[in-house]
Amino acid sequence: MSDNKFEDKALGYLAQLTQEMTGIKQDVSGIKQEMTGIKQEMTGIKQDVSGINSRLTNLEGTVTKIEVEHGEKLSTLFDGYKSNCEQIERIEEALKLDRKENARRFDRLENKVDNLLEIVKGHDESIEVMKRAK
């Protein structure tokens, strides 16, 4: 091959390589721009996640506070319920005793009324006898 042909062929390859390198540089530049965009999006996502984490932490604190407050209220309600049940049981027991005592008193009163009826009946008979004797 002649030197001229070789030079022309070498220059052709160099021109082709230069064009390909320019294309590769443009592709790399595009990739860099896309990566910059992706990094910006990732930064935004990280900020969003950070905000979500912050809100979640606040929410957890609120839920914990609610659990504590409601736990205390439920405990107080249960104590009140228990106290009411105990008081009702005492009242029921007292009523049972009162019923027994009242039944005993009623029986005594009934006996006294029966005795009085017998006395009145005897008096009525005595009055009838006295009326006839007149």
Protein backbone atom coordinates (compact mmCIF):
# COMPACT_ATOMS: atom_id res chain seq x y z
CA MET A 1 0.00 0.00 0.00
CA SER A 2 1.14 3.39 -0.70
CA ASP A 3 1.75 5.84 2.03
CA ASN A 4 -1.01 8.08 0.75
CA LYS A 5 -3.59 5.35 0.78
CA PHE A 6 -2.47 4.26 4.20
CA GLU A 7 -2.67 7.83 5.45
CA ASP A 8 -6.11 8.28 3.91
CA LYS A 9 -7.31 5.06 5.44
CA ALA A 10 -5.78 5.92 8.83
CA LEU A 11 -7.30 9.40 8.67
CA GLY A 12 -10.68 7.85 7.78
CA TYR A 13 -10.45 5.55 10.80
CA LEU A 14 -9.38 8.46 12.98
CA ALA A 15 -12.29 10.54 11.72
CA GLN A 16 -14.66 7.65 12.37
CA LEU A 17 -13.18 7.13 15.86
CA THR A 18 -13.47 10.85 16.54
CA GLN A 19 -17.14 10.79 15.53
CA GLU A 20 -17.78 7.74 17.67
CA MET A 21 -15.95 9.36 20.60
CA THR A 22 -18.03 12.50 20.15
CA GLY A 23 -21.18 10.32 20.21
CA ILE A 24 -19.94 8.51 23.31
CA LYS A 25 -19.16 11.86 24.98
CA GLN A 26 -22.67 13.07 24.18
CA ASP A 27 -24.14 9.83 25.53
CA VAL A 28 -22.04 10.15 28.71
CA SER A 29 -23.12 13.78 29.05
CA GLY A 30 -26.79 12.70 28.71
CA ILE A 31 -26.28 9.97 31.28
CA LYS A 32 -24.68 12.53 33.65
CA GLN A 33 -27.72 14.80 33.23
CA GLU A 34 -30.08 11.89 33.88
CA MET A 35 -28.05 10.91 36.95
CA THR A 36 -28.26 14.50 38.21
CA GLY A 37 -32.05 14.35 37.74
CA ILE A 38 -32.21 11.00 39.53
CA LYS A 39 -30.09 12.37 42.39
CA GLN A 40 -32.44 15.33 42.72
CA GLU A 41 -35.43 13.02 42.74
CA MET A 42 -33.74 10.81 45.35
CA THR A 43 -33.07 13.90 47.48
CA GLY A 44 -36.78 14.78 47.22
CA ILE A 45 -37.76 11.23 48.13
CA LYS A 46 -35.39 11.28 51.12
CA GLN A 47 -36.96 14.55 52.29
CA ASP A 48 -40.43 13.05 51.87
CA VAL A 49 -39.42 9.95 53.84
CA SER A 50 -37.88 12.15 56.51
CA GLY A 51 -41.14 14.12 56.73
CA ILE A 52 -43.12 10.90 56.93
CA ASN A 53 -40.82 9.61 59.67
CA SER A 54 -41.28 12.84 61.59
CA ARG A 55 -45.06 12.64 61.26
CA LEU A 56 -44.98 8.97 62.25
CA THR A 57 -42.94 9.81 65.35
CA ASN A 58 -45.48 12.50 66.27
CA LEU A 59 -48.32 10.07 65.63
CA GLU A 60 -46.69 7.41 67.80
CA GLY A 61 -46.35 9.97 70.59
CA THR A 62 -49.99 10.92 70.24
CA VAL A 63 -51.11 7.29 70.23
CA THR A 64 -49.00 6.57 73.30
CA LYS A 65 -50.49 9.60 75.07
CA ILE A 66 -54.02 8.46 74.15
CA GLU A 67 -53.28 4.92 75.36
CA VAL A 68 -52.00 6.24 78.69
CA GLU A 69 -54.90 8.65 79.19
CA HIS A 70 -57.53 6.11 78.20
CA GLY A 71 -55.81 3.44 80.26
CA GLU A 72 -56.03 5.68 83.30
CA LYS A 73 -59.66 6.49 82.56
CA LEU A 74 -60.53 2.82 82.06
CA SER A 75 -58.75 1.95 85.28
CA THR A 76 -60.73 4.64 87.11
CA LEU A 77 -63.98 3.43 85.55
CA PHE A 78 -63.19 -0.15 86.52
CA ASP A 79 -62.40 0.92 90.08
CA GLY A 80 -65.72 2.82 90.21
CA TYR A 81 -67.56 -0.19 88.79
CA LYS A 82 -65.93 -2.47 91.35
CA SER A 83 -66.80 -0.07 94.16
CA ASN A 84 -70.41 0.14 92.98
CA CYS A 85 -70.67 -3.66 92.83
CA GLU A 86 -69.31 -3.96 96.37
CA GLN A 87 -71.75 -1.33 97.61
CA ILE A 88 -74.67 -3.07 95.88
CA GLU A 89 -73.64 -6.35 97.51
CA ARG A 90 -73.57 -4.67 100.95
CA ILE A 91 -77.00 -3.13 100.35
CA GLU A 92 -78.40 -6.47 99.18
CA GLU A 93 -77.02 -8.17 102.28
CA ALA A 94 -78.52 -5.46 104.50
CA LEU A 95 -81.86 -5.86 102.73
CA LYS A 96 -81.75 -9.61 103.31
CA LEU A 97 -81.18 -9.00 107.02
CA ASP A 98 -83.95 -6.38 107.05
CA ARG A 99 -86.32 -8.80 105.32
CA LYS A 100 -85.61 -11.45 107.94
CA GLU A 101 -86.03 -8.95 110.75
CA ASN A 102 -89.19 -7.54 109.15
CA ALA A 103 -90.62 -11.04 108.70
CA ARG A 104 -89.92 -11.80 112.37
CA ARG A 105 -91.53 -8.51 113.45
CA PHE A 106 -94.51 -9.16 111.20
CA ASP A 107 -94.97 -12.59 112.78
CA ARG A 108 -94.87 -11.03 116.28
CA LEU A 109 -97.38 -8.36 115.24
CA GLU A 110 -99.63 -10.97 113.72
CA ASN A 111 -99.54 -12.96 116.95
CA LYS A 112 -100.35 -9.82 118.96
CA VAL A 113 -103.26 -9.01 116.62
CA ASP A 114 -104.54 -12.56 117.01
CA ASN A 115 -104.29 -12.19 120.80
CA LEU A 116 -106.11 -8.83 120.65
CA LEU A 117 -108.83 -10.39 118.50
CA GLU A 118 -109.28 -13.10 121.12
CA ILE A 119 -109.45 -10.45 123.87
CA VAL A 120 -111.95 -8.35 121.86
CA LYS A 121 -114.00 -11.47 121.18
CA GLY A 122 -114.02 -12.21 124.92
CA HIS A 123 -115.04 -8.61 125.66
CA ASP A 124 -117.81 -8.80 123.07
CA GLU A 125 -119.12 -11.95 124.75
CA SER A 126 -118.91 -10.27 128.17
CA ILE A 127 -120.82 -7.26 126.86
CA GLU A 128 -123.49 -9.50 125.39
CA VAL A 129 -123.81 -11.29 128.71
CA MET A 130 -124.11 -7.95 130.52
CA LYS A 131 -126.73 -6.72 128.07
CA ARG A 132 -128.82 -9.80 128.62
CA ALA A 133 -128.46 -9.52 132.33
CA LYS A 134 -130.03 -6.11 132.33
